[in-house]
């Protein structure tokens, strides 16, 4: 090493000790941009004398931060009970689309079965009937069967008389006249009399409706009634009943009838009266509406309300 180099190194070390930059350092400083002063975070700033420390938006700084709970393999979660595991497995529900469709189909199937069972139980009104009532209903069915057999036998006898009579034309006229009287009674164009019953329905609260009286007429027809009259109106095959305006009063074939409602029925009393008193029948239905029903038998009932004979518009006798 030469003397000059030793002198330069000594001068550099002297400048370092004295804090003066050497030539290379000065050159680097001129080439490099000026350094930006580092910002001091507001937490580390020292307040001046007489100045209170600033508070942050979230409130005064806490002196000590809360220590975090240690998390590691040493921390053991509490063991779940059987009920908690079951609830955790069922909720929230996790179901696929196919499972949802199957659940809807099962719900619809169960609803249909429930409705069918309910309708079947509602229609079985005789399930809770007493033994005496069941015997009476069976007797009524037997009587209906017997009436049909008698009617059939009567038609057979008429045919036999026509075939065996010497004067078939005269016999045919007699049977035609007799048939005309019967049809006149059924059509309401001829007055009739005979054994039967009288039913009086007293409705003080006006709760009886037209469909209840219609059920009574249908039950009487099924029991073998041959002529029916309600108050002053003759009941025929095309009779209809309607409720009055505002639910007040009842009309039969457009004729307003007043309370009490009085039925005059010609037929076999032993069949007509039990048909009205069967369990769940006409009498019980009317009594549920707080109406009073009185049924009495009679050896002679007169049905004298008449209907005018109407010629059909299109139907004609095949013999014309």
Protein backbone atom coordinates (compact mmCIF):
# COMPACT_ATOMS: atom_id res chain seq x y z
CA UNK A 1 0.00 0.00 0.00
CA UNK A 2 1.35 3.40 -0.90
CA UNK A 3 1.71 6.34 1.35
CA UNK A 4 -1.04 8.26 -0.37
CA UNK A 5 -3.56 5.45 0.13
CA UNK A 6 -2.68 5.21 3.79
CA UNK A 7 -3.26 8.91 4.18
CA UNK A 8 -6.70 8.70 2.47
CA UNK A 9 -7.81 5.80 4.67
CA UNK A 10 -6.70 7.59 7.77
CA UNK A 11 -8.60 10.70 6.65
CA UNK A 12 -11.78 8.64 6.08
CA UNK A 13 -11.58 7.09 9.49
CA UNK A 14 -11.08 10.52 10.99
CA UNK A 15 -14.11 11.86 9.22
CA UNK A 16 -16.17 8.91 10.46
CA UNK A 17 -15.14 9.58 14.00
CA UNK A 18 -15.89 13.27 13.73
CA UNK A 19 -19.25 12.67 11.93
CA UNK A 20 -18.21 14.48 8.78
CA UNK A 21 -19.10 12.70 5.51
CA UNK A 22 -16.31 11.83 3.17
CA UNK A 23 -16.32 12.44 -0.55
CA UNK A 24 -18.01 9.22 -1.59
CA UNK A 25 -20.78 9.73 0.92
CA UNK A 26 -21.35 13.27 -0.32
CA UNK A 27 -21.60 12.02 -3.86
CA UNK A 28 -24.14 9.31 -2.91
CA UNK A 29 -26.26 11.85 -1.06
CA UNK A 30 -26.34 14.11 -4.07
CA UNK A 31 -27.37 11.24 -6.34
CA UNK A 32 -30.08 9.79 -4.05
CA UNK A 33 -33.40 11.70 -3.45
CA UNK A 34 -34.02 13.24 -0.12
CA UNK A 35 -35.54 10.82 2.40
CA UNK A 36 -39.02 11.49 3.59
CA UNK A 37 -39.38 11.91 7.33
CA UNK A 38 -41.04 8.89 8.91
CA UNK A 39 -44.48 9.57 10.35
CA UNK A 40 -44.79 8.93 13.96
CA UNK A 41 -47.96 6.95 14.83
CA UNK A 42 -50.38 8.94 16.93
CA UNK A 43 -50.23 6.35 19.68
CA UNK A 44 -46.49 6.92 20.15
CA UNK A 45 -46.61 10.74 20.08
CA UNK A 46 -45.69 12.33 23.36
CA UNK A 47 -48.12 15.08 24.38
CA UNK A 48 -46.64 18.44 24.99
CA UNK A 49 -46.55 19.97 28.41
CA UNK A 50 -50.00 21.21 29.44
CA UNK A 51 -51.79 19.35 26.63
CA UNK A 52 -54.16 16.52 27.40
CA UNK A 53 -53.79 13.30 25.47
CA UNK A 54 -56.21 12.92 22.52
CA UNK A 55 -58.92 10.31 22.67
CA UNK A 56 -59.65 8.07 19.73
CA UNK A 57 -63.09 7.72 18.16
CA UNK A 58 -63.62 4.39 19.81
CA UNK A 59 -63.04 5.87 23.26
CA UNK A 60 -60.10 6.25 25.64
CA UNK A 61 -57.30 3.87 25.06
CA UNK A 62 -57.18 1.06 27.44
CA UNK A 63 -54.14 0.75 29.56
CA UNK A 64 -53.85 -2.90 28.95
CA UNK A 65 -55.30 -5.03 26.16
CA UNK A 66 -57.30 -8.07 27.30
CA UNK A 67 -55.38 -11.20 27.12
CA UNK A 68 -56.70 -13.70 24.57
CA UNK A 69 -57.81 -17.00 25.93
CA UNK A 70 -55.45 -19.72 25.05
CA UNK A 71 -56.66 -21.98 22.27
CA UNK A 72 -54.94 -25.23 21.79
CA UNK A 73 -55.19 -28.93 22.18
CA UNK A 74 -55.49 -28.50 25.95
CA UNK A 75 -58.96 -26.78 25.57
CA UNK A 76 -61.75 -29.46 25.66
CA UNK A 77 -65.25 -28.71 24.29
CA UNK A 78 -68.21 -29.71 26.53
CA UNK A 79 -69.73 -33.05 25.64
CA UNK A 80 -73.26 -32.88 24.06
CA UNK A 81 -76.14 -34.87 25.48
CA UNK A 82 -78.23 -37.29 23.40
CA UNK A 83 -81.10 -34.81 23.02
CA UNK A 84 -78.73 -32.03 21.94
CA UNK A 85 -77.12 -34.28 19.34
CA UNK A 86 -80.59 -35.24 18.04
CA UNK A 87 -81.66 -31.60 17.75
CA UNK A 88 -78.37 -30.72 16.07
CA UNK A 89 -78.88 -33.50 13.55
CA UNK A 90 -82.50 -32.54 12.76
CA UNK A 91 -82.19 -28.77 12.67
CA UNK A 92 -81.59 -27.06 10.38
CA UNK A 93 -83.30 -29.58 8.10
CA UNK A 94 -81.30 -30.93 5.22
CA UNK A 95 -83.61 -32.34 2.54
CA UNK A 96 -83.13 -32.94 -1.13
CA UNK A 97 -85.65 -32.12 -3.84
CA UNK A 98 -86.73 -35.76 -4.15
CA UNK A 99 -87.36 -35.97 -0.42
CA UNK A 100 -89.50 -32.82 -0.50
CA UNK A 101 -91.59 -34.19 -3.38
CA UNK A 102 -92.06 -37.46 -1.54
CA UNK A 103 -93.13 -35.61 1.63
CA UNK A 104 -95.75 -33.62 -0.33
CA UNK A 105 -97.14 -36.79 -1.94
CA UNK A 106 -97.38 -38.53 1.43
CA UNK A 107 -99.16 -35.50 2.90
CA UNK A 108 -101.73 -35.45 0.08
CA UNK A 109 -102.27 -39.20 0.45
CA UNK A 110 -102.79 -38.91 4.20
CA UNK A 111 -105.20 -36.01 3.75
CA UNK A 112 -107.27 -38.01 1.24
CA UNK A 113 -107.44 -41.00 3.58
CA UNK A 114 -108.50 -38.78 6.48
CA UNK A 115 -111.29 -37.19 4.42
CA UNK A 116 -112.51 -40.60 3.26
CA UNK A 117 -112.56 -41.98 6.80
CA UNK A 118 -114.38 -38.87 8.02
CA UNK A 119 -117.04 -39.08 5.32
CA UNK A 120 -117.53 -42.79 5.98
CA UNK A 121 -117.98 -42.18 9.70
CA UNK A 122 -120.40 -39.30 9.05
CA UNK A 123 -122.57 -41.43 6.76
CA UNK A 124 -122.83 -44.25 9.28
CA UNK A 125 -125.63 -42.64 11.29
CA UNK A 126 -126.88 -46.05 12.41
CA UNK A 127 -123.65 -46.96 14.21
CA UNK A 128 -124.85 -45.61 17.53
CA UNK A 129 -128.49 -46.68 17.16
CA UNK A 130 -130.13 -48.86 19.73
CA UNK A 131 -131.17 -52.41 19.03
CA UNK A 132 -134.85 -51.46 19.03
CA UNK A 133 -134.21 -48.76 16.43
CA UNK A 134 -132.29 -51.17 14.21
CA UNK A 135 -135.12 -53.70 14.40
CA UNK A 136 -137.61 -51.02 13.44
CA UNK A 137 -135.47 -49.95 10.46
CA UNK A 138 -135.26 -53.55 9.27
CA UNK A 139 -139.03 -53.90 9.55
CA UNK A 140 -139.43 -50.76 7.47
CA UNK A 141 -137.17 -52.17 4.76
CA UNK A 142 -139.18 -55.38 4.77
CA UNK A 143 -142.39 -53.38 4.37
CA UNK A 144 -140.95 -51.52 1.39
CA UNK A 145 -139.97 -54.78 -0.21
CA UNK A 146 -143.45 -56.14 0.39
CA UNK A 147 -145.06 -53.09 -1.22
CA UNK A 148 -142.94 -53.55 -4.32
CA UNK A 149 -143.90 -57.21 -4.47
CA UNK A 150 -147.60 -56.32 -4.13
CA UNK A 151 -147.31 -53.77 -6.94
CA UNK A 152 -145.61 -56.32 -9.13
CA UNK A 153 -148.31 -58.90 -8.38
CA UNK A 154 -151.04 -56.38 -9.20
CA UNK A 155 -149.54 -55.74 -12.63
CA UNK A 156 -149.32 -59.47 -13.25
CA UNK A 157 -152.99 -59.89 -12.28
CA UNK A 158 -154.03 -57.12 -14.66
CA UNK A 159 -152.22 -58.80 -17.50
CA UNK A 160 -153.83 -62.12 -16.63
CA UNK A 161 -157.32 -60.58 -16.59
CA UNK A 162 -156.78 -58.99 -19.96
CA UNK A 163 -155.57 -62.23 -21.46
CA UNK A 164 -158.35 -64.42 -19.96
CA UNK A 165 -161.29 -62.04 -20.32
CA UNK A 166 -163.84 -62.79 -23.06
CA UNK A 167 -164.39 -59.11 -23.69
CA UNK A 168 -160.86 -57.81 -23.60
CA UNK A 169 -161.84 -54.37 -24.87
CA UNK A 170 -164.28 -53.77 -21.98
CA UNK A 171 -161.76 -55.02 -19.45
CA UNK A 172 -159.13 -52.76 -20.91
CA UNK A 173 -161.47 -49.75 -20.56
CA UNK A 174 -162.11 -50.58 -16.90
CA UNK A 175 -158.43 -50.87 -16.15
CA UNK A 176 -157.73 -47.68 -18.05
CA UNK A 177 -160.32 -45.76 -16.01
CA UNK A 178 -158.89 -47.15 -12.77
CA UNK A 179 -155.41 -46.24 -13.87
CA UNK A 180 -156.55 -42.75 -14.74
CA UNK A 181 -157.83 -42.24 -11.19
CA UNK A 182 -154.53 -43.42 -9.75
CA UNK A 183 -152.55 -41.16 -12.01
CA UNK A 184 -154.86 -38.26 -11.13
CA UNK A 185 -154.05 -38.78 -7.45
CA UNK A 186 -150.34 -38.89 -8.15
CA UNK A 187 -150.52 -35.83 -10.41
CA UNK A 188 -152.55 -33.91 -7.82
CA UNK A 189 -155.52 -33.29 -10.13
CA UNK A 190 -157.86 -35.49 -8.09
CA UNK A 191 -158.70 -35.30 -4.38
CA UNK A 192 -157.86 -38.35 -2.31
CA UNK A 193 -158.70 -39.82 1.06
CA UNK A 194 -157.50 -42.77 3.09
CA UNK A 195 -155.51 -43.78 6.15
CA UNK A 196 -152.33 -41.94 6.91
CA UNK A 197 -150.64 -39.53 9.31
CA UNK A 198 -150.58 -35.84 10.14
CA UNK A 199 -147.26 -34.14 10.98
CA UNK A 200 -147.21 -30.64 12.45
CA UNK A 201 -143.91 -28.73 12.65
CA UNK A 202 -143.99 -25.76 15.03
CA UNK A 203 -141.06 -23.42 14.39
CA UNK A 204 -141.21 -20.47 16.77
CA UNK A 205 -137.66 -19.24 16.06
CA UNK A 206 -137.77 -19.55 12.29
CA UNK A 207 -134.79 -21.92 12.18
CA UNK A 208 -136.39 -24.52 9.91
CA UNK A 209 -135.23 -24.24 6.31
CA UNK A 210 -136.62 -25.47 3.01
CA UNK A 211 -134.16 -28.34 2.64
CA UNK A 212 -135.32 -29.81 5.97
CA UNK A 213 -138.93 -29.95 4.77
CA UNK A 214 -137.77 -31.39 1.47
CA UNK A 215 -135.99 -34.19 3.36
CA UNK A 216 -139.26 -34.91 5.16
CA UNK A 217 -141.15 -35.18 1.84
CA UNK A 218 -138.54 -37.51 0.37
CA UNK A 219 -138.57 -39.71 3.47
CA UNK A 220 -142.36 -39.96 3.33
CA UNK A 221 -142.28 -40.89 -0.36
CA UNK A 222 -139.69 -43.58 0.35
CA UNK A 223 -141.96 -44.96 3.10
CA UNK A 224 -144.87 -45.36 0.67
CA UNK A 225 -146.78 -42.07 0.81
CA UNK A 226 -149.32 -41.88 -2.02
CA UNK A 227 -150.57 -38.32 -1.54
CA UNK A 228 -148.97 -35.42 0.36
CA UNK A 229 -150.23 -31.96 1.11
CA UNK A 230 -148.23 -29.21 2.89
CA UNK A 231 -150.56 -26.55 4.30
CA UNK A 232 -152.65 -25.65 1.22
CA UNK A 233 -150.22 -26.86 -1.48
CA UNK A 234 -150.41 -30.28 -3.12
CA UNK A 235 -147.05 -32.02 -3.42
CA UNK A 236 -146.41 -33.71 -6.78
CA UNK A 237 -143.41 -35.15 -8.61
CA UNK A 238 -142.00 -31.78 -9.72
CA UNK A 239 -142.60 -29.92 -6.45
CA UNK A 240 -139.77 -27.66 -5.29
CA UNK A 241 -139.18 -25.78 -2.03
CA UNK A 242 -137.26 -22.53 -1.58
CA UNK A 243 -136.37 -20.24 1.31
CA UNK A 244 -137.91 -16.81 1.38
CA UNK A 245 -135.95 -13.60 0.85
CA UNK A 246 -133.67 -12.86 3.77
CA UNK A 247 -134.16 -16.38 5.12
CA UNK A 248 -137.72 -15.64 6.22
CA UNK A 249 -140.45 -18.15 5.41
CA UNK A 250 -140.61 -21.06 2.98
CA UNK A 251 -142.26 -21.31 -0.44
CA UNK A 252 -143.64 -24.50 -2.02
CA UNK A 253 -143.89 -24.31 -5.82
CA UNK A 254 -143.76 -20.53 -5.52
CA UNK A 255 -146.56 -20.36 -2.91
CA UNK A 256 -145.60 -18.87 0.43
CA UNK A 257 -146.63 -21.09 3.37
CA UNK A 258 -146.88 -19.86 6.93
CA UNK A 259 -145.94 -21.50 10.21
CA UNK A 260 -146.73 -24.00 11.64
CA UNK A 261 -146.10 -26.39 8.75
CA UNK A 262 -148.80 -29.04 8.54
CA UNK A 263 -148.28 -32.23 6.51
CA UNK A 264 -151.23 -34.43 5.53
CA UNK A 265 -150.02 -37.75 4.17
CA UNK A 266 -152.02 -40.73 2.85
CA UNK A 267 -150.36 -44.11 3.16
CA UNK A 268 -149.82 -46.97 5.59
CA UNK A 269 -149.46 -45.35 9.03
CA UNK A 270 -147.37 -48.26 10.35
CA UNK A 271 -144.74 -47.41 7.71
CA UNK A 272 -144.94 -43.64 7.62
CA UNK A 273 -144.53 -42.82 11.31
CA UNK A 274 -141.42 -45.02 11.96
CA UNK A 275 -139.77 -43.58 8.85
CA UNK A 276 -139.88 -40.11 10.41
CA UNK A 277 -138.60 -41.24 13.82
CA UNK A 278 -135.52 -43.24 12.76
CA UNK A 279 -132.23 -42.19 14.45
CA UNK A 280 -130.83 -39.18 12.64
CA UNK A 281 -134.06 -38.85 10.65
CA UNK A 282 -136.50 -36.03 10.06
CA UNK A 283 -137.80 -35.62 13.60
CA UNK A 284 -134.36 -35.52 15.22
CA UNK A 285 -133.07 -33.07 12.61
CA UNK A 286 -135.97 -30.68 13.19
CA UNK A 287 -135.68 -30.98 16.96
CA UNK A 288 -132.01 -30.00 16.77
CA UNK A 289 -133.24 -26.70 15.33
CA UNK A 290 -135.44 -26.31 18.44
CA UNK A 291 -138.60 -27.03 16.47
CA UNK A 292 -141.49 -29.09 17.86
CA UNK A 293 -142.70 -32.05 15.77
CA UNK A 294 -146.00 -33.81 16.44
CA UNK A 295 -146.93 -36.94 14.46
CA UNK A 296 -150.35 -38.59 14.78
CA UNK A 297 -151.98 -41.50 12.97
CA UNK A 298 -155.48 -41.37 11.52
CA UNK A 299 -157.80 -43.78 9.76
CA UNK A 300 -159.00 -41.08 7.36
CA UNK A 301 -156.85 -38.32 5.92
CA UNK A 302 -158.36 -36.02 3.27
CA UNK A 303 -155.98 -34.46 0.75
CA UNK A 304 -158.13 -31.95 -1.14
CA UNK A 305 -155.59 -29.43 -2.48
CA UNK A 306 -155.62 -29.75 -6.29
CA UNK A 307 -153.25 -28.90 -9.10
CA UNK A 308 -154.41 -27.85 -12.52
CA UNK A 309 -153.79 -30.39 -15.25
CA UNK A 310 -151.09 -29.24 -17.63
CA UNK A 311 -150.72 -30.54 -21.14
CA UNK A 312 -147.10 -31.34 -21.91
CA UNK A 313 -145.48 -29.30 -24.65
CA UNK A 314 -143.75 -32.14 -26.46
CA UNK A 315 -144.78 -35.50 -25.00
CA UNK A 316 -147.79 -37.21 -26.61
CA UNK A 317 -149.45 -40.57 -26.02
CA UNK A 318 -148.07 -43.33 -28.19
CA UNK A 319 -151.63 -44.46 -29.04
CA UNK A 320 -152.54 -41.17 -30.72
